[in-house]
Protein backbone atom coordinates (compact mmCIF):
# COMPACT_ATOMS: atom_id res chain seq x y z
CA MET A 1 80.20 8.05 -89.09
CA GLN A 2 80.49 4.25 -88.63
CA SER A 3 83.25 4.52 -91.38
CA ARG A 4 85.62 7.01 -89.36
CA TYR A 5 84.85 4.93 -85.93
CA ALA A 6 86.25 2.14 -87.79
CA ALA A 7 89.35 3.78 -89.76
CA LEU A 8 90.42 5.32 -86.23
CA PHE A 9 90.54 1.78 -84.82
CA PHE A 10 92.13 -0.10 -86.63
CA PHE A 11 95.18 2.50 -86.76
CA MET A 12 94.83 2.75 -83.56
CA LEU A 13 95.98 -0.91 -83.35
CA PHE A 14 98.75 -0.16 -85.64
CA ILE A 15 100.10 2.90 -83.02
CA PRO A 16 102.12 -0.23 -80.52
CA SER A 17 103.56 -1.51 -83.49
CA SER A 18 106.27 2.09 -84.07
CA ALA A 19 107.53 1.24 -80.51
CA ILE A 20 109.53 -1.13 -81.57
CA ALA A 21 111.14 0.19 -85.14
CA GLY A 22 114.43 -0.22 -82.95
CA GLY A 23 114.14 -3.96 -83.40
CA TYR A 24 114.22 -3.40 -87.23
CA LYS A 25 117.66 -1.64 -87.95
CA ILE A 26 120.16 -3.85 -89.57
CA PRO A 27 123.68 -2.46 -88.31
CA GLU A 28 126.09 -4.64 -90.65
CA GLN A 29 126.32 -3.69 -94.09
CA SER A 30 130.01 -4.92 -95.01
CA ALA A 31 132.54 -7.60 -93.92
CA ASN A 32 134.26 -5.74 -91.96
CA SER A 33 131.47 -4.49 -89.61
CA MET A 34 129.59 -8.41 -90.37
CA ALA A 35 132.89 -9.69 -88.00
CA LEU A 36 133.14 -7.01 -85.58
CA ALA A 37 129.53 -6.94 -84.38
CA ALA A 38 128.78 -3.60 -85.95
CA ALA A 39 131.81 -1.92 -83.16
CA TYR A 40 133.49 0.12 -85.92
CA VAL A 41 133.82 2.95 -85.73
CA ALA A 42 136.76 3.97 -84.97
CA ASN A 43 139.02 1.12 -86.47
CA ALA A 44 136.76 1.50 -89.76
CA HIS A 45 139.13 1.06 -92.79
CA GLY A 46 139.35 -0.12 -96.51
CA ALA A 47 136.16 0.83 -98.55
CA ASP A 48 133.04 0.76 -95.51
CA PRO A 49 134.38 4.25 -93.63
CA SER A 50 132.41 5.84 -96.77
CA TYR A 51 129.54 4.51 -94.61
CA TYR A 52 130.85 4.34 -91.64
CA ASN A 53 133.45 7.22 -90.55
CA PRO A 54 133.75 9.18 -93.68
CA ALA A 55 136.81 10.88 -91.96
CA ASN A 56 138.65 7.50 -91.65
CA MET A 57 139.16 7.47 -95.39
CA VAL A 58 141.72 10.31 -95.56
CA TRP A 59 144.10 7.83 -93.64
CA GLU A 60 143.84 4.80 -96.27
CA ASP A 61 147.24 4.80 -99.43
CA ASP A 62 146.37 6.50 -102.08
CA ALA A 63 143.83 4.06 -103.95
CA ALA A 64 141.24 3.62 -105.26
CA ARG A 65 138.96 0.82 -102.53
CA MET A 66 135.97 -0.97 -103.15
CA GLU A 67 133.60 -3.54 -101.51
CA ILE A 68 130.71 -5.98 -103.11
CA GLY A 69 128.88 -7.95 -100.72
CA ALA A 70 125.30 -9.30 -99.58
CA SER A 71 124.56 -11.16 -96.49
CA CYS A 72 121.44 -13.58 -95.11
CA ILE A 73 119.04 -13.34 -92.50
CA LYS A 74 117.97 -16.23 -91.18
CA LEU A 75 115.09 -16.11 -88.91
CA PRO A 76 112.93 -18.79 -88.06
CA GLN A 77 109.37 -19.27 -86.66
CA VAL A 78 108.41 -18.18 -83.29
CA ASP A 79 105.86 -21.18 -82.07
CA PHE A 80 103.46 -19.94 -79.34
CA SER A 81 101.19 -21.98 -77.00
CA GLY A 82 98.99 -20.78 -74.59
CA GLU A 83 95.38 -19.22 -74.13
CA VAL A 84 94.50 -15.66 -74.84
CA ALA A 85 91.36 -14.99 -72.53
CA GLY A 86 90.75 -18.11 -72.39
CA PHE A 87 90.33 -19.23 -76.03
CA PRO A 88 93.27 -21.72 -77.58
CA ALA A 89 96.19 -19.35 -78.67
CA GLY A 90 98.92 -21.75 -79.67
CA SER A 91 100.17 -20.55 -83.43
CA SER A 92 103.81 -20.58 -85.10
CA SER A 93 105.18 -17.21 -87.44
CA ARG A 94 106.49 -17.55 -90.64
CA PRO A 95 110.17 -18.63 -91.45
CA GLU A 96 111.76 -15.83 -93.19
CA GLN A 97 115.00 -15.68 -94.88
CA PHE A 98 115.99 -11.91 -96.25
CA TYR A 99 119.20 -11.52 -98.96
CA LEU A 100 120.46 -8.09 -98.41
CA PRO A 101 123.26 -6.20 -100.98
CA ASN A 102 126.09 -4.13 -99.56
CA PHE A 103 128.04 -1.97 -102.26
CA HIS A 104 131.06 1.05 -100.24
CA TYR A 105 133.62 2.44 -102.39
CA VAL A 106 136.58 5.48 -101.73
CA SER A 107 137.93 7.01 -104.64
CA PRO A 108 141.60 7.92 -104.53
CA GLN A 109 143.31 11.56 -102.59
CA ALA A 110 142.32 14.85 -104.15
CA GLY A 111 144.51 17.26 -102.07
CA ASP A 112 143.50 17.00 -98.73
CA PHE A 113 140.05 15.12 -98.93
CA ARG A 114 138.42 11.88 -100.13
CA PHE A 115 134.94 10.65 -101.18
CA GLY A 116 133.07 7.94 -101.20
CA LEU A 117 129.25 6.27 -101.95
CA SER A 118 127.67 3.74 -100.03
CA MET A 119 124.51 1.70 -100.72
CA ALA A 120 122.94 -0.46 -97.62
CA VAL A 121 120.48 -1.75 -96.08
CA PRO A 122 120.03 -0.15 -92.97
CA PHE A 123 116.72 -1.50 -91.71
CA GLY A 124 113.87 -3.45 -92.70
CA LEU A 125 112.87 -7.34 -92.32
CA SER A 126 109.22 -8.69 -91.91
CA LYS A 127 107.02 -11.14 -89.76
CA ARG A 128 103.84 -12.99 -90.67
CA TRP A 129 101.78 -14.79 -88.70
CA ASP A 130 98.77 -17.88 -90.09
CA GLY A 131 97.28 -18.37 -86.54
CA ALA A 132 93.02 -16.41 -86.36
CA LEU A 133 93.91 -14.78 -82.89
CA GLN A 134 97.35 -13.61 -84.07
CA LYS A 135 96.26 -12.50 -87.40
CA LEU A 136 93.13 -9.97 -85.84
CA THR A 137 96.40 -7.35 -85.31
CA ALA A 138 99.30 -8.51 -86.67
CA GLU A 139 98.95 -11.11 -90.34
CA GLU A 140 101.58 -9.41 -91.70
CA PHE A 141 103.93 -6.82 -90.76
CA THR A 142 106.89 -5.74 -93.55
CA PHE A 143 109.30 -3.34 -94.37
CA LYS A 144 111.95 -2.73 -96.26
CA THR A 145 114.70 -0.13 -96.92
CA VAL A 146 117.28 1.26 -99.27
CA GLU A 147 120.02 4.16 -98.00
CA LEU A 148 122.60 5.91 -100.56
CA ASN A 149 125.34 8.02 -99.21
CA PRO A 150 128.19 9.77 -100.72
CA SER A 151 130.18 11.29 -98.65
CA PHE A 152 133.63 12.50 -97.92
CA GLY A 153 136.39 12.95 -95.65
CA TYR A 154 139.06 16.20 -95.06
CA LYS A 155 142.31 15.66 -93.86
CA ILE A 156 142.66 18.77 -91.71
CA ASN A 157 146.07 17.75 -90.08
CA ASP A 158 148.21 14.47 -89.83
CA ARG A 159 146.15 13.93 -86.30
CA LEU A 160 142.68 15.21 -86.90
CA SER A 161 140.47 14.37 -89.68
CA MET A 162 136.66 15.59 -90.13
CA GLY A 163 133.84 14.33 -92.85
CA GLY A 164 130.15 13.91 -93.85
CA GLY A 165 127.82 12.51 -96.69
CA ALA A 166 123.89 12.88 -97.56
CA ARG A 167 121.98 10.06 -96.69
CA GLY A 168 119.13 9.01 -99.04
CA ILE A 169 116.72 6.66 -98.01
CA TYR A 170 113.87 4.57 -99.74
CA SER A 171 111.10 2.78 -97.06
CA ASP A 172 108.27 0.74 -98.34
CA GLY A 173 106.04 -1.11 -96.15
CA LYS A 174 103.03 -3.01 -95.40
CA VAL A 175 100.23 -4.26 -92.52
CA LYS A 176 97.72 -6.43 -92.75
CA SER A 177 95.64 -7.79 -90.52
CA ASP A 178 92.35 -10.10 -90.42
CA GLY A 179 90.53 -11.70 -88.22
CA VAL A 180 87.63 -12.18 -85.96
CA THR A 181 86.82 -10.74 -82.70
CA LEU A 182 83.29 -9.35 -80.21
CA ILE A 183 82.95 -5.89 -80.54
CA GLY A 184 81.71 -4.73 -77.01
CA GLY A 185 82.38 -8.58 -75.29
CA ALA A 186 79.23 -9.62 -77.06
CA ILE A 187 79.33 -8.79 -81.55
CA PRO A 188 81.34 -10.75 -83.36
CA THR A 189 82.48 -8.17 -86.44
CA ARG A 190 85.34 -9.29 -88.54
CA LEU A 191 88.11 -6.72 -88.95
CA VAL A 192 90.19 -6.17 -91.73
CA ARG A 193 93.68 -4.12 -92.66
CA ARG A 194 95.47 -3.57 -95.62
CA MET A 195 97.96 -0.79 -95.33
CA ASP A 196 100.77 0.18 -97.88
CA GLY A 197 103.03 2.74 -98.60
CA ASN A 198 106.44 3.96 -100.13
CA ASP A 199 108.29 7.37 -99.46
CA VAL A 200 111.94 8.85 -100.13
CA THR A 201 113.22 10.23 -97.13
CA PHE A 202 116.95 12.56 -96.26
CA ALA A 203 119.01 12.98 -93.81
CA TYR A 204 122.81 13.44 -92.78
CA ASN A 205 125.79 11.96 -91.17
CA LEU A 206 129.05 13.69 -89.90
CA ALA A 207 132.48 12.16 -87.99
CA ILE A 208 135.53 13.53 -86.95
CA ALA A 209 138.22 11.48 -86.26
CA TYR A 210 141.90 11.97 -84.40
CA LYS A 211 145.38 10.22 -84.03
CA PRO A 212 146.48 11.39 -81.10
CA VAL A 213 149.78 8.80 -81.58
CA GLU A 214 150.05 6.33 -84.63
CA ASN A 215 148.58 3.04 -83.36
CA LEU A 216 145.45 5.22 -81.03
CA ALA A 217 142.73 6.03 -83.07
CA MET A 218 139.58 8.06 -81.23
CA ALA A 219 136.45 9.08 -83.43
CA ALA A 220 132.85 10.08 -83.33
CA THR A 221 130.02 9.60 -85.70
CA TYR A 222 126.57 11.17 -85.60
CA ARG A 223 123.66 10.47 -88.29
CA SER A 224 120.77 13.01 -88.08
CA ARG A 225 117.23 11.51 -87.92
CA SER A 226 115.08 10.34 -90.33
CA VAL A 227 111.07 10.06 -90.58
CA ALA A 228 109.75 8.76 -92.92
CA ASN A 229 105.96 9.43 -94.31
CA LEU A 230 104.80 6.53 -95.64
CA GLU A 231 102.29 7.72 -98.10
CA GLY A 232 99.68 4.67 -99.85
CA ASN A 233 96.60 3.22 -100.06
CA ALA A 234 94.82 2.17 -96.49
CA PHE A 235 91.80 -0.81 -96.98
CA LEU A 236 90.13 -1.15 -94.14
CA PHE A 237 86.49 -3.13 -93.37
CA SER A 238 84.16 -4.03 -90.61
CA SER A 239 81.37 -5.89 -90.69
CA ASN A 240 79.02 -7.56 -88.34
CA SER A 241 75.24 -8.13 -88.15
CA LEU A 242 74.82 -4.34 -86.80
CA GLY A 243 76.36 -3.38 -90.57
CA THR A 244 79.14 -2.88 -92.68
CA SER A 245 82.00 -0.43 -93.16
CA VAL A 246 84.62 0.39 -95.26
CA TYR A 247 87.43 2.80 -96.37
CA ASP A 248 89.35 2.46 -98.80
CA SER A 249 91.11 5.58 -99.80
CA GLY A 250 94.47 7.07 -99.42
CA GLY A 251 96.58 6.95 -95.58
CA THR A 252 99.99 8.26 -94.42
CA VAL A 253 101.59 6.03 -91.68
CA LYS A 254 104.76 8.68 -90.10
CA ALA A 255 107.55 5.42 -89.63
CA THR A 256 111.06 6.69 -87.23
CA LEU A 257 113.62 5.00 -88.78
CA PRO A 258 116.67 4.07 -85.84
CA THR A 259 120.27 6.01 -86.45
């Protein structure tokens, strides 16, 4: 019974972190989108419309397009100084550095169709803390994804086109915490949490583009909601003067991926 309560306590600690999942989104997945801060739907051109707006692929000249790139994200450490419940809590997170590849391809014309393929890392990143108080709930949160997105575009007429694609998303997540707290305000208790898991989920995207005149373009895109069921191992440990509880078995965490 005690191990059941310990497992429930640890999973409740994880739930609030899901509220900031949108902060993991990385919208810039090509050179053009990075230059325009991802404000890149109606104007998508070159090879990356296969990812950002497949309806726009049909407006390209009749030739294959390909782009291979990578971006580096460097996150400086976060410094915190102050007290929590009267205890000193000053600490700094670890600096983080990530290298994110991307690939985009658009085929030559096939009648009124064009086909594309993109590989991107649309969300992820990590945060790690070494301070004693921070480690109690957030020693490490790491989330990695890779998305493969085959797509098509269809030219309805000289001014209107549509497109869409299938999305296969691989996700890998890790959560760690380790620290001592006072249970009931009086009993020092060491709490340890180690959870990791991965999943492959599928979704789709749709697009429509309209050019009422030569130098004006309007477009709309939609990416379906996707939920990653990260299945893996969960290790939960609780120890104090009243006893020790251990849970070491399979576990699942659901994460709604940003659109």
